């Protein structure tokens, strides 16, 4: 399996898990109970996120990577500027 297929598989799996993770609860107790009983689902979802991010990065061309880094630098600089004002 190549990186693109792995990425697609992980994204598909996280799309399936998303509704299980982000549900509405009436009380905090319900949320805590649900988190405890579905710990493996939460762990899988959140452990897939860095893998997806890394695979997306690996599949980018060097030019796309440079563009992405420049955009992130601009965003960080803008946030810092706003924080100082």
Protein backbone atom coordinates (compact mmCIF):
# COMPACT_ATOMS: atom_id res chain seq x y z
CA UNK A 1 0.00 0.00 0.00
CA UNK A 2 1.44 3.38 -0.96
CA UNK A 3 1.25 6.60 1.03
CA UNK A 4 -1.68 7.99 -0.92
CA UNK A 5 -3.77 4.88 -0.26
CA UNK A 6 -2.83 4.91 3.42
CA UNK A 7 -3.81 8.58 3.64
CA UNK A 8 -7.16 7.92 1.99
CA UNK A 9 -7.79 5.00 4.32
CA UNK A 10 -6.97 7.04 7.44
CA UNK A 11 -9.10 9.98 6.30
CA UNK A 12 -12.01 7.65 5.57
CA UNK A 13 -11.67 6.02 8.99
CA UNK A 14 -11.56 9.39 10.77
CA UNK A 15 -14.64 10.48 8.83
CA UNK A 16 -16.41 7.39 10.20
CA UNK A 17 -15.20 8.10 13.75
CA UNK A 18 -16.01 11.82 13.68
CA UNK A 19 -19.73 11.48 14.56
CA UNK A 20 -18.81 9.16 17.44
CA UNK A 21 -16.30 11.66 18.85
CA UNK A 22 -18.20 14.92 18.41
CA UNK A 23 -21.62 14.25 19.87
CA UNK A 24 -23.82 16.47 21.99
CA UNK A 25 -24.38 15.54 25.61
CA UNK A 26 -26.84 16.89 28.12
CA UNK A 27 -24.44 16.69 31.06
CA UNK A 28 -20.73 16.48 31.69
CA UNK A 29 -21.27 13.14 33.39
CA UNK A 30 -22.70 11.68 30.18
CA UNK A 31 -19.69 12.96 28.28
CA UNK A 32 -17.23 11.50 30.80
CA UNK A 33 -19.01 8.15 30.82
CA UNK A 34 -19.05 8.05 27.04
CA UNK A 35 -15.36 8.95 26.84
CA UNK A 36 -14.45 6.19 29.27
CA UNK A 37 -16.55 3.54 27.54
CA UNK A 38 -15.31 4.54 24.05
CA UNK A 39 -11.68 5.29 24.89
CA UNK A 40 -10.38 3.19 22.02
CA UNK A 41 -12.42 5.23 19.50
CA UNK A 42 -11.05 8.51 20.87
CA UNK A 43 -7.50 7.13 20.91
CA UNK A 44 -7.75 5.91 17.32
CA UNK A 45 -9.20 9.17 16.03
CA UNK A 46 -6.62 11.38 17.72
CA UNK A 47 -3.68 9.11 16.88
CA UNK A 48 -4.68 9.22 13.20
CA UNK A 49 -4.51 13.03 13.04
CA UNK A 50 -0.69 13.39 13.16
CA UNK A 51 -0.32 10.46 10.74
CA UNK A 52 -2.67 12.17 8.28
CA UNK A 53 -0.81 15.45 8.64
CA UNK A 54 2.55 13.77 8.02
CA UNK A 55 1.29 11.82 5.00
CA UNK A 56 -0.17 14.97 3.47
CA UNK A 57 3.20 16.67 3.95
CA UNK A 58 5.08 13.73 2.44
CA UNK A 59 2.83 13.73 -0.63
CA UNK A 60 3.40 17.45 -1.30
CA UNK A 61 6.00 18.52 -3.82
CA UNK A 62 8.94 20.54 -2.47
CA UNK A 63 7.39 23.65 -4.05
CA UNK A 64 4.07 23.01 -2.26
CA UNK A 65 5.92 22.40 1.00
CA UNK A 66 7.78 25.71 0.66
CA UNK A 67 4.51 27.51 -0.07
CA UNK A 68 2.89 25.91 2.98
CA UNK A 69 5.79 26.88 5.26
CA UNK A 70 5.68 30.46 4.01
CA UNK A 71 1.92 30.64 4.65
CA UNK A 72 2.37 29.28 8.18
CA UNK A 73 5.11 31.82 8.87
CA UNK A 74 2.82 34.64 7.72
CA UNK A 75 0.00 33.40 9.93
CA UNK A 76 2.30 33.18 12.96
CA UNK A 77 3.66 36.66 12.29
CA UNK A 78 0.14 38.06 11.98
CA UNK A 79 -0.91 36.45 15.27
CA UNK A 80 2.15 37.83 17.04
CA UNK A 81 1.44 41.30 15.67
CA UNK A 82 -2.15 41.18 16.90
CA UNK A 83 -1.00 40.02 20.31
CA UNK A 84 1.31 43.00 20.69
CA UNK A 85 -1.27 45.65 19.83
